[in-house]
Every structure is written in C-alpha cells, then in structure tokens.
Amino acid sequence: MHCAGIYPTAAIDEITFEQWRKVLSVNLDSVFLLVKAFLPAMKEQRWGRIISVSSTTFHSGIAFNTHYTASKGGLIGFARSLASEVGDFGITVNTIAPGLTRTDTTVNGKPGEFGWFDMIREQQAIKRTETPEDLTGTLAFLASEDAAFITGQTIVVDGGWRFS
C-alpha cells in the first residue's frame, strides 16, 4: 500500500516549479519507485496487490490545491494503466480516495485551521469526521482474495461528501 502525501496549499501563480516538483515527487513519483522495487517479485509469484491512497480532491477540484490534486489524480491514472499491464500476472492495482481524514497532520495543518472538518462534515451523508479507521475495511478488502477481480478502480471513502 502506498499512502505518501504532502499537501501544501497555494494559489497556482504562487507555486514555484520547485514546490510543484516536491509535491509530485512525494505524492506520485514515490509510488512509481515502490512499484519498480516490488513488481518483479509480484510477477515472479504471479500474485500481488498494489493499493494507493488518492484523494477526493481529484473529483472535487478544491482551490489552492492544484499541485496536490494533480498528484492524486496521477495516482488514479497510474493505477488504471498499470492494472492493464500486470493483470495477467494475478496482480491487481487500485486506489482509494478518502475525504478529509482526521490525522495528526491534518489537525495540525491548514485544513483544521480553516474549519474544513466542520464544513465537510455538514456536506456528508454521514455527519462525522473521517478517521483512518474508516479506511481499513476498504484497504483490507482490496488486499484480499475477495477483490481478485477488481482492478484499475478507485473506491471513494468519504462518508457521502456532496461536493460541488
């Protein structure tokens, strides 16, 4: 499973190329490097599960998150393409897209400062803040044999967030 991510916020005209590359490097290049390291063994054993954590920002297009959103959208495209390439080896490749999840990073970072948890909770069908435990069932399922015929997919785990 790949869940690396940083999410600095900035307007597009304030993002430097260096900042853009840092976000893409951590959020997207890292999954490429992990796959390159582990794929040979998966192919040899003719079985594997590759799961990446994307974000609902890809579907909603939140302002001031262009580099983050591009990187998380890249994970979805990467999974869809790689799934076609490695399916014959018994390897599945999927992503999950959580909503804003309460973690040490999000509580201490900018989203909490702006009251995003309260705003998003009011727009969800399930009116509570998402926690990492809300993702474990989906991750366990995608890693299991029960999901052996699911590949190239993105499962949104966001409490039914109705974003505009």
N, C-alpha and C. Protein backbone atom coordinates (compact mmCIF):
# COMPACT_ATOMS: atom_id res chain seq x y z
N MET A 1 0.83 -1.17 0.00
CA MET A 1 0.00 0.00 0.00
C MET A 1 0.88 1.24 0.00
N HIS A 2 0.50 2.22 -0.78
CA HIS A 2 1.21 3.49 -0.88
C HIS A 2 0.29 4.59 -0.38
N CYS A 3 0.72 5.32 0.64
CA CYS A 3 -0.12 6.42 1.15
C CYS A 3 0.70 7.67 1.46
N ALA A 4 1.79 7.86 0.77
CA ALA A 4 2.59 9.07 0.97
C ALA A 4 1.83 10.28 0.46
N GLY A 5 1.98 11.39 1.17
CA GLY A 5 1.33 12.59 0.68
C GLY A 5 1.68 13.83 1.48
N ILE A 6 1.93 14.90 0.75
CA ILE A 6 2.04 16.22 1.37
C ILE A 6 1.05 17.11 0.65
N TYR A 7 0.53 18.11 1.33
CA TYR A 7 -0.50 18.94 0.71
C TYR A 7 -0.36 20.42 1.06
N PRO A 8 0.71 21.04 0.63
CA PRO A 8 0.79 22.48 0.84
C PRO A 8 -0.29 23.18 0.03
N THR A 9 -0.82 24.26 0.54
CA THR A 9 -1.84 25.00 -0.19
C THR A 9 -1.26 26.31 -0.68
N ALA A 10 -1.58 26.66 -1.92
CA ALA A 10 -1.12 27.90 -2.52
C ALA A 10 -1.88 28.14 -3.82
N ALA A 11 -2.03 29.40 -4.16
CA ALA A 11 -2.59 29.76 -5.46
C ALA A 11 -1.61 29.34 -6.55
N ILE A 12 -2.12 29.00 -7.72
CA ILE A 12 -1.28 28.50 -8.80
C ILE A 12 -0.19 29.51 -9.18
N ASP A 13 -0.50 30.80 -9.13
CA ASP A 13 0.53 31.78 -9.51
C ASP A 13 1.57 32.01 -8.43
N GLU A 14 1.40 31.36 -7.28
CA GLU A 14 2.39 31.43 -6.20
C GLU A 14 3.23 30.16 -6.09
N ILE A 15 2.83 29.10 -6.77
CA ILE A 15 3.55 27.83 -6.70
C ILE A 15 4.78 27.91 -7.60
N THR A 16 5.94 27.66 -7.02
CA THR A 16 7.16 27.61 -7.82
C THR A 16 7.28 26.22 -8.44
N PHE A 17 8.11 26.12 -9.47
CA PHE A 17 8.34 24.81 -10.08
C PHE A 17 8.94 23.85 -9.06
N GLU A 18 9.80 24.36 -8.20
CA GLU A 18 10.40 23.52 -7.15
C GLU A 18 9.33 22.97 -6.21
N GLN A 19 8.37 23.79 -5.82
CA GLN A 19 7.28 23.33 -4.96
C GLN A 19 6.41 22.31 -5.70
N TRP A 20 6.11 22.59 -6.96
CA TRP A 20 5.34 21.66 -7.79
C TRP A 20 6.02 20.29 -7.82
N ARG A 21 7.32 20.28 -8.12
CA ARG A 21 8.07 19.03 -8.22
C ARG A 21 8.13 18.30 -6.88
N LYS A 22 8.24 19.02 -5.78
CA LYS A 22 8.29 18.37 -4.47
C LYS A 22 6.99 17.62 -4.20
N VAL A 23 5.86 18.24 -4.47
CA VAL A 23 4.56 17.58 -4.24
C VAL A 23 4.42 16.37 -5.16
N LEU A 24 4.75 16.55 -6.44
CA LEU A 24 4.65 15.41 -7.38
C LEU A 24 5.63 14.31 -7.01
N SER A 25 6.79 14.67 -6.52
CA SER A 25 7.79 13.67 -6.13
C SER A 25 7.30 12.83 -4.96
N VAL A 26 6.84 13.49 -3.91
CA VAL A 26 6.38 12.75 -2.73
C VAL A 26 5.10 11.97 -3.04
N ASN A 27 4.15 12.61 -3.68
CA ASN A 27 2.82 12.02 -3.84
C ASN A 27 2.70 11.04 -5.01
N LEU A 28 3.46 11.25 -6.06
CA LEU A 28 3.30 10.42 -7.26
C LEU A 28 4.56 9.64 -7.63
N ASP A 29 5.70 10.29 -7.66
CA ASP A 29 6.93 9.58 -8.02
C ASP A 29 7.22 8.44 -7.05
N SER A 30 6.85 8.62 -5.80
CA SER A 30 7.13 7.58 -4.79
C SER A 30 6.42 6.27 -5.10
N VAL A 31 5.20 6.32 -5.62
CA VAL A 31 4.51 5.07 -5.97
C VAL A 31 5.20 4.40 -7.16
N PHE A 32 5.66 5.19 -8.11
CA PHE A 32 6.42 4.63 -9.24
C PHE A 32 7.64 3.87 -8.73
N LEU A 33 8.37 4.48 -7.81
CA LEU A 33 9.59 3.85 -7.27
C LEU A 33 9.26 2.59 -6.47
N LEU A 34 8.19 2.62 -5.70
CA LEU A 34 7.78 1.43 -4.94
C LEU A 34 7.39 0.29 -5.88
N VAL A 35 6.62 0.61 -6.91
CA VAL A 35 6.22 -0.42 -7.87
C VAL A 35 7.44 -1.00 -8.56
N LYS A 36 8.37 -0.15 -8.97
CA LYS A 36 9.58 -0.65 -9.62
C LYS A 36 10.35 -1.60 -8.70
N ALA A 37 10.33 -1.34 -7.40
CA ALA A 37 11.06 -2.18 -6.44
C ALA A 37 10.37 -3.52 -6.19
N PHE A 38 9.04 -3.51 -6.11
CA PHE A 38 8.32 -4.72 -5.69
C PHE A 38 7.69 -5.52 -6.84
N LEU A 39 7.50 -4.91 -7.99
CA LEU A 39 6.82 -5.60 -9.09
C LEU A 39 7.53 -6.86 -9.56
N PRO A 40 8.85 -6.90 -9.66
CA PRO A 40 9.48 -8.14 -10.12
C PRO A 40 9.11 -9.36 -9.25
N ALA A 41 9.10 -9.21 -7.95
CA ALA A 41 8.74 -10.33 -7.07
C ALA A 41 7.28 -10.69 -7.22
N MET A 42 6.42 -9.70 -7.38
CA MET A 42 4.99 -9.98 -7.59
C MET A 42 4.78 -10.76 -8.88
N LYS A 43 5.47 -10.34 -9.93
CA LYS A 43 5.34 -11.06 -11.21
C LYS A 43 5.84 -12.49 -11.08
N GLU A 44 6.95 -12.66 -10.39
CA GLU A 44 7.53 -13.99 -10.22
C GLU A 44 6.57 -14.92 -9.46
N GLN A 45 5.94 -14.41 -8.42
CA GLN A 45 4.99 -15.26 -7.66
C GLN A 45 3.59 -15.26 -8.27
N ARG A 46 3.40 -14.45 -9.33
CA ARG A 46 2.13 -14.37 -10.05
C ARG A 46 0.96 -14.00 -9.13
N TRP A 47 1.25 -13.06 -8.26
CA TRP A 47 0.22 -12.55 -7.34
C TRP A 47 0.71 -11.24 -6.73
N GLY A 48 -0.21 -10.33 -6.53
CA GLY A 48 0.14 -9.10 -5.83
C GLY A 48 -1.03 -8.15 -5.75
N ARG A 49 -0.94 -7.23 -4.80
CA ARG A 49 -1.94 -6.19 -4.62
C ARG A 49 -1.21 -4.86 -4.48
N ILE A 50 -1.51 -3.94 -5.36
CA ILE A 50 -0.96 -2.59 -5.29
C ILE A 50 -2.13 -1.66 -5.01
N ILE A 51 -2.06 -0.97 -3.90
CA ILE A 51 -3.14 -0.07 -3.49
C ILE A 51 -2.52 1.28 -3.14
N SER A 52 -3.03 2.33 -3.75
CA SER A 52 -2.56 3.68 -3.46
C SER A 52 -3.70 4.50 -2.87
N VAL A 53 -3.33 5.49 -2.08
CA VAL A 53 -4.31 6.39 -1.50
C VAL A 53 -4.30 7.69 -2.28
N SER A 54 -5.38 7.95 -2.97
CA SER A 54 -5.55 9.18 -3.73
C SER A 54 -6.28 10.18 -2.83
N SER A 55 -7.27 10.87 -3.36
CA SER A 55 -8.00 11.87 -2.60
C SER A 55 -9.26 12.28 -3.33
N THR A 56 -10.28 12.65 -2.58
CA THR A 56 -11.49 13.17 -3.22
C THR A 56 -11.26 14.53 -3.85
N THR A 57 -10.12 15.18 -3.54
CA THR A 57 -9.84 16.46 -4.20
C THR A 57 -9.75 16.29 -5.71
N PHE A 58 -9.37 15.10 -6.17
CA PHE A 58 -9.31 14.85 -7.61
C PHE A 58 -10.69 14.99 -8.24
N HIS A 59 -11.72 14.57 -7.53
CA HIS A 59 -13.08 14.62 -8.04
C HIS A 59 -13.73 15.98 -7.82
N SER A 60 -13.28 16.73 -6.82
CA SER A 60 -13.94 17.98 -6.47
C SER A 60 -13.22 19.22 -6.97
N GLY A 61 -11.90 19.16 -7.13
CA GLY A 61 -11.15 20.30 -7.63
C GLY A 61 -11.12 21.47 -6.66
N ILE A 62 -10.68 21.24 -5.44
CA ILE A 62 -10.62 22.29 -4.43
C ILE A 62 -9.55 23.32 -4.81
N ALA A 63 -9.90 24.60 -4.68
CA ALA A 63 -8.98 25.68 -4.99
C ALA A 63 -7.75 25.64 -4.09
N PHE A 64 -6.65 26.16 -4.59
CA PHE A 64 -5.38 26.27 -3.86
C PHE A 64 -4.74 24.92 -3.56
N ASN A 65 -5.15 23.90 -4.29
CA ASN A 65 -4.60 22.55 -4.15
C ASN A 65 -4.19 21.97 -5.50
N THR A 66 -3.85 22.81 -6.46
CA THR A 66 -3.60 22.34 -7.82
C THR A 66 -2.52 21.27 -7.89
N HIS A 67 -1.40 21.49 -7.24
CA HIS A 67 -0.30 20.51 -7.31
C HIS A 67 -0.68 19.23 -6.58
N TYR A 68 -1.33 19.35 -5.44
CA TYR A 68 -1.78 18.17 -4.69
C TYR A 68 -2.81 17.38 -5.50
N THR A 69 -3.79 18.09 -6.04
CA THR A 69 -4.85 17.43 -6.80
C THR A 69 -4.29 16.75 -8.05
N ALA A 70 -3.36 17.41 -8.73
CA ALA A 70 -2.73 16.80 -9.90
C ALA A 70 -2.00 15.52 -9.53
N SER A 71 -1.30 15.54 -8.40
CA SER A 71 -0.56 14.35 -7.98
C SER A 71 -1.50 13.20 -7.63
N LYS A 72 -2.60 13.52 -6.95
CA LYS A 72 -3.54 12.46 -6.55
C LYS A 72 -4.32 11.94 -7.75
N GLY A 73 -4.60 12.81 -8.72
CA GLY A 73 -5.21 12.35 -9.97
C GLY A 73 -4.25 11.47 -10.75
N GLY A 74 -2.98 11.80 -10.68
CA GLY A 74 -1.96 10.97 -11.33
C GLY A 74 -1.95 9.55 -10.80
N LEU A 75 -2.20 9.40 -9.49
CA LEU A 75 -2.26 8.05 -8.90
C LEU A 75 -3.40 7.24 -9.51
N ILE A 76 -4.52 7.90 -9.77
CA ILE A 76 -5.67 7.20 -10.36
C ILE A 76 -5.34 6.75 -11.78
N GLY A 77 -4.74 7.63 -12.57
CA GLY A 77 -4.34 7.25 -13.92
C GLY A 77 -3.27 6.17 -13.94
N PHE A 78 -2.32 6.28 -13.03
CA PHE A 78 -1.26 5.28 -12.89
C PHE A 78 -1.86 3.91 -12.60
N ALA A 79 -2.80 3.86 -11.67
CA ALA A 79 -3.42 2.57 -11.30
C ALA A 79 -4.19 1.97 -12.47
N ARG A 80 -4.94 2.79 -13.18
CA ARG A 80 -5.73 2.27 -14.29
C ARG A 80 -4.83 1.69 -15.39
N SER A 81 -3.76 2.40 -15.70
CA SER A 81 -2.86 1.94 -16.75
C SER A 81 -2.06 0.72 -16.31
N LEU A 82 -1.50 0.78 -15.10
CA LEU A 82 -0.71 -0.35 -14.60
C LEU A 82 -1.56 -1.61 -14.46
N ALA A 83 -2.82 -1.46 -14.08
CA ALA A 83 -3.70 -2.62 -13.95
C ALA A 83 -3.79 -3.39 -15.27
N SER A 84 -3.85 -2.67 -16.37
CA SER A 84 -3.91 -3.32 -17.68
C SER A 84 -2.61 -4.04 -18.02
N GLU A 85 -1.53 -3.52 -17.51
CA GLU A 85 -0.21 -4.09 -17.81
C GLU A 85 0.11 -5.34 -17.00
N VAL A 86 -0.38 -5.42 -15.76
CA VAL A 86 0.05 -6.51 -14.87
C VAL A 86 -1.05 -7.50 -14.51
N GLY A 87 -2.23 -7.31 -15.05
CA GLY A 87 -3.35 -8.20 -14.72
C GLY A 87 -3.09 -9.66 -15.01
N ASP A 88 -2.39 -9.95 -16.11
CA ASP A 88 -2.11 -11.34 -16.47
C ASP A 88 -1.19 -12.04 -15.47
N PHE A 89 -0.58 -11.28 -14.59
CA PHE A 89 0.29 -11.85 -13.56
C PHE A 89 -0.44 -12.06 -12.22
N GLY A 90 -1.76 -11.87 -12.22
CA GLY A 90 -2.52 -12.04 -10.98
C GLY A 90 -2.37 -10.86 -10.03
N ILE A 91 -1.94 -9.74 -10.55
CA ILE A 91 -1.70 -8.54 -9.74
C ILE A 91 -2.85 -7.57 -9.99
N THR A 92 -3.44 -7.05 -8.91
CA THR A 92 -4.45 -6.01 -9.03
C THR A 92 -3.86 -4.68 -8.58
N VAL A 93 -4.38 -3.62 -9.17
CA VAL A 93 -3.89 -2.26 -8.87
C VAL A 93 -5.12 -1.36 -8.71
N ASN A 94 -5.29 -0.81 -7.52
CA ASN A 94 -6.45 0.03 -7.23
C ASN A 94 -6.05 1.22 -6.38
N THR A 95 -6.95 2.17 -6.30
CA THR A 95 -6.76 3.31 -5.40
C THR A 95 -8.00 3.46 -4.54
N ILE A 96 -7.81 4.06 -3.38
CA ILE A 96 -8.95 4.53 -2.61
C ILE A 96 -8.82 6.05 -2.55
N ALA A 97 -9.95 6.73 -2.49
CA ALA A 97 -9.97 8.19 -2.43
C ALA A 97 -10.73 8.62 -1.19
N PRO A 98 -10.01 8.83 -0.09
CA PRO A 98 -10.69 9.29 1.12
C PRO A 98 -10.99 10.78 1.04
N GLY A 99 -11.94 11.18 1.88
CA GLY A 99 -12.17 12.61 2.08
C GLY A 99 -11.16 13.13 3.09
N LEU A 100 -11.39 14.34 3.58
CA LEU A 100 -10.50 14.91 4.58
C LEU A 100 -10.57 14.03 5.83
N THR A 101 -9.44 13.45 6.18
CA THR A 101 -9.35 12.48 7.26
C THR A 101 -8.60 13.09 8.44
N ARG A 102 -9.14 12.93 9.63
CA ARG A 102 -8.51 13.50 10.82
C ARG A 102 -7.27 12.67 11.17
N THR A 103 -6.12 13.29 11.00
CA THR A 103 -4.84 12.69 11.37
C THR A 103 -4.03 13.78 12.09
N ASP A 104 -2.89 13.41 12.64
CA ASP A 104 -2.02 14.42 13.26
C ASP A 104 -1.66 15.52 12.26
N THR A 105 -1.42 15.13 11.02
CA THR A 105 -1.03 16.10 10.00
C THR A 105 -2.18 17.05 9.68
N THR A 106 -3.39 16.53 9.46
CA THR A 106 -4.50 17.41 9.09
C THR A 106 -5.00 18.24 10.25
N VAL A 107 -4.89 17.73 11.46
CA VAL A 107 -5.31 18.51 12.63
C VAL A 107 -4.35 19.66 12.87
N ASN A 108 -3.06 19.42 12.69
CA ASN A 108 -2.06 20.45 12.94
C ASN A 108 -1.76 21.32 11.71
N GLY A 109 -2.33 20.95 10.57
CA GLY A 109 -2.06 21.70 9.35
C GLY A 109 -3.16 22.68 9.01
N LYS A 110 -3.10 23.24 7.84
CA LYS A 110 -4.02 24.29 7.43
C LYS A 110 -5.48 23.88 7.37
N PRO A 111 -5.84 22.65 6.91
CA PRO A 111 -7.26 22.33 6.84
C PRO A 111 -8.00 22.56 8.16
N GLY A 112 -7.43 22.12 9.25
CA GLY A 112 -8.08 22.31 10.55
C GLY A 112 -8.20 23.78 10.91
N GLU A 113 -7.20 24.57 10.55
CA GLU A 113 -7.21 25.99 10.85
C GLU A 113 -8.37 26.69 10.17
N PHE A 114 -8.77 26.24 9.00
CA PHE A 114 -9.83 26.88 8.25
C PHE A 114 -11.21 26.30 8.57
N GLY A 115 -11.30 25.39 9.51
CA GLY A 115 -12.59 24.80 9.84
C GLY A 115 -13.12 23.85 8.78
N TRP A 116 -12.23 23.28 7.98
CA TRP A 116 -12.67 22.39 6.91
C TRP A 116 -13.39 21.16 7.44
N PHE A 117 -12.99 20.65 8.60
CA PHE A 117 -13.66 19.46 9.14
C PHE A 117 -15.14 19.74 9.35
N ASP A 118 -15.47 20.88 9.94
CA ASP A 118 -16.86 21.24 10.18
C ASP A 118 -17.62 21.43 8.88
N MET A 119 -17.02 22.13 7.93
CA MET A 119 -17.67 22.39 6.65
C MET A 119 -17.96 21.09 5.90
N ILE A 120 -16.96 20.23 5.82
CA ILE A 120 -17.13 18.98 5.08
C ILE A 120 -18.12 18.05 5.78
N ARG A 121 -18.05 17.97 7.10
CA ARG A 121 -18.97 17.12 7.85
C ARG A 121 -20.43 17.50 7.53
N GLU A 122 -20.71 18.76 7.41
CA GLU A 122 -22.08 19.22 7.11
C GLU A 122 -22.51 18.86 5.69
N GLN A 123 -21.55 18.60 4.80
CA GLN A 123 -21.86 18.24 3.42
C GLN A 123 -21.85 16.73 3.19
N GLN A 124 -21.61 15.95 4.24
CA GLN A 124 -21.57 14.49 4.13
C GLN A 124 -22.92 13.88 4.48
N ALA A 125 -23.18 12.73 3.89
CA ALA A 125 -24.37 11.97 4.27
C ALA A 125 -24.20 11.41 5.69
N ILE A 126 -23.00 10.98 6.03
CA ILE A 126 -22.68 10.50 7.38
C ILE A 126 -22.01 11.67 8.08
N LYS A 127 -22.68 12.24 9.04
CA LYS A 127 -22.27 13.51 9.66
C LYS A 127 -21.28 13.32 10.79
N ARG A 128 -20.07 12.87 10.43
CA ARG A 128 -18.97 12.81 11.39
C ARG A 128 -17.67 12.92 10.63
N THR A 129 -16.62 13.23 11.34
CA THR A 129 -15.32 13.40 10.71
C THR A 129 -14.69 12.05 10.41
N GLU A 130 -14.14 11.93 9.24
CA GLU A 130 -13.49 10.69 8.81
C GLU A 130 -12.20 10.48 9.61
N THR A 131 -11.95 9.22 9.96
CA THR A 131 -10.73 8.85 10.67
C THR A 131 -10.01 7.77 9.87
N PRO A 132 -8.73 7.53 10.15
CA PRO A 132 -8.02 6.47 9.42
C PRO A 132 -8.70 5.10 9.53
N GLU A 133 -9.36 4.84 10.65
CA GLU A 133 -10.05 3.55 10.82
C GLU A 133 -11.17 3.37 9.80
N ASP A 134 -11.69 4.45 9.25
CA ASP A 134 -12.74 4.36 8.24
C ASP A 134 -12.21 3.80 6.92
N LEU A 135 -10.91 3.76 6.76
CA LEU A 135 -10.30 3.28 5.52
C LEU A 135 -9.85 1.83 5.59
N THR A 136 -9.70 1.30 6.80
CA THR A 136 -9.09 -0.02 6.95
C THR A 136 -9.90 -1.14 6.32
N GLY A 137 -11.21 -1.08 6.40
CA GLY A 137 -12.04 -2.14 5.80
C GLY A 137 -11.89 -2.18 4.29
N THR A 138 -11.89 -1.04 3.66
CA THR A 138 -11.73 -0.97 2.21
C THR A 138 -10.34 -1.45 1.80
N LEU A 139 -9.33 -1.02 2.53
CA LEU A 139 -7.97 -1.46 2.23
C LEU A 139 -7.83 -2.97 2.40
N ALA A 140 -8.37 -3.51 3.49
CA ALA A 140 -8.29 -4.95 3.73
C ALA A 140 -9.02 -5.72 2.62
N PHE A 141 -10.17 -5.21 2.21
CA PHE A 141 -10.92 -5.86 1.13
C PHE A 141 -10.11 -5.88 -0.16
N LEU A 142 -9.56 -4.73 -0.55
CA LEU A 142 -8.80 -4.67 -1.80
C LEU A 142 -7.55 -5.55 -1.77
N ALA A 143 -7.02 -5.79 -0.58
CA ALA A 143 -5.84 -6.65 -0.44
C ALA A 143 -6.20 -8.12 -0.40
N SER A 144 -7.48 -8.44 -0.30
CA SER A 144 -7.92 -9.83 -0.11
C SER A 144 -8.21 -10.53 -1.44
N GLU A 145 -8.39 -11.83 -1.34
CA GLU A 145 -8.79 -12.63 -2.50
C GLU A 145 -10.21 -12.30 -2.95
N ASP A 146 -11.03 -11.76 -2.04
CA ASP A 146 -12.40 -11.37 -2.42
C ASP A 146 -12.40 -10.28 -3.48
N ALA A 147 -11.30 -9.53 -3.60
CA ALA A 147 -11.18 -8.45 -4.58
C ALA A 147 -10.31 -8.85 -5.77
N ALA A 148 -10.13 -10.14 -6.00
CA ALA A 148 -9.22 -10.61 -7.04
C ALA A 148 -9.64 -10.21 -8.45
N PHE A 149 -10.90 -9.82 -8.65
CA PHE A 149 -11.38 -9.44 -9.99
C PHE A 149 -11.68 -7.95 -10.06
N ILE A 150 -11.19 -7.20 -9.09
CA ILE A 150 -11.34 -5.74 -9.09
C ILE A 150 -9.96 -5.14 -9.32
N THR A 151 -9.81 -4.42 -10.41
CA THR A 151 -8.52 -3.80 -10.70
C THR A 151 -8.73 -2.56 -11.55
N GLY A 152 -7.82 -1.61 -11.40
CA GLY A 152 -7.91 -0.36 -12.14
C GLY A 152 -9.01 0.56 -11.63
N GLN A 153 -9.45 0.34 -10.42
CA GLN A 153 -10.59 1.08 -9.88
C GLN A 153 -10.18 2.04 -8.77
N THR A 154 -11.04 3.02 -8.54
CA THR A 154 -10.90 3.94 -7.42
C THR A 154 -12.16 3.86 -6.59
N ILE A 155 -12.01 3.54 -5.32
CA ILE A 155 -13.14 3.49 -4.41
C ILE A 155 -13.10 4.73 -3.53
N VAL A 156 -14.16 5.51 -3.59
CA VAL A 156 -14.26 6.73 -2.79
C VAL A 156 -14.79 6.37 -1.41
N VAL A 157 -14.05 6.78 -0.39
CA VAL A 157 -14.42 6.52 1.01
C VAL A 157 -14.47 7.88 1.70
N ASP A 158 -15.64 8.52 1.66
CA ASP A 158 -15.72 9.90 2.14
C ASP A 158 -16.99 10.24 2.92
N GLY A 159 -17.72 9.23 3.37
CA GLY A 159 -18.94 9.50 4.13
C GLY A 159 -20.05 10.11 3.31
N GLY A 160 -19.98 9.99 2.00
CA GLY A 160 -21.02 10.54 1.13
C GLY A 160 -20.93 12.05 0.97
N TRP A 161 -19.71 12.55 0.88
CA TRP A 161 -19.50 14.00 0.73
C TRP A 161 -20.12 14.50 -0.57
N ARG A 162 -20.97 15.49 -0.47
CA ARG A 162 -21.64 16.09 -1.62
C ARG A 162 -20.92 17.38 -1.98
N PHE A 163 -19.81 17.25 -2.69
CA PHE A 163 -19.03 18.42 -3.07
C PHE A 163 -19.60 19.02 -4.35
N SER A 164 -19.33 20.29 -4.53
CA SER A 164 -19.84 20.94 -5.74
C SER A 164 -18.72 21.25 -6.71
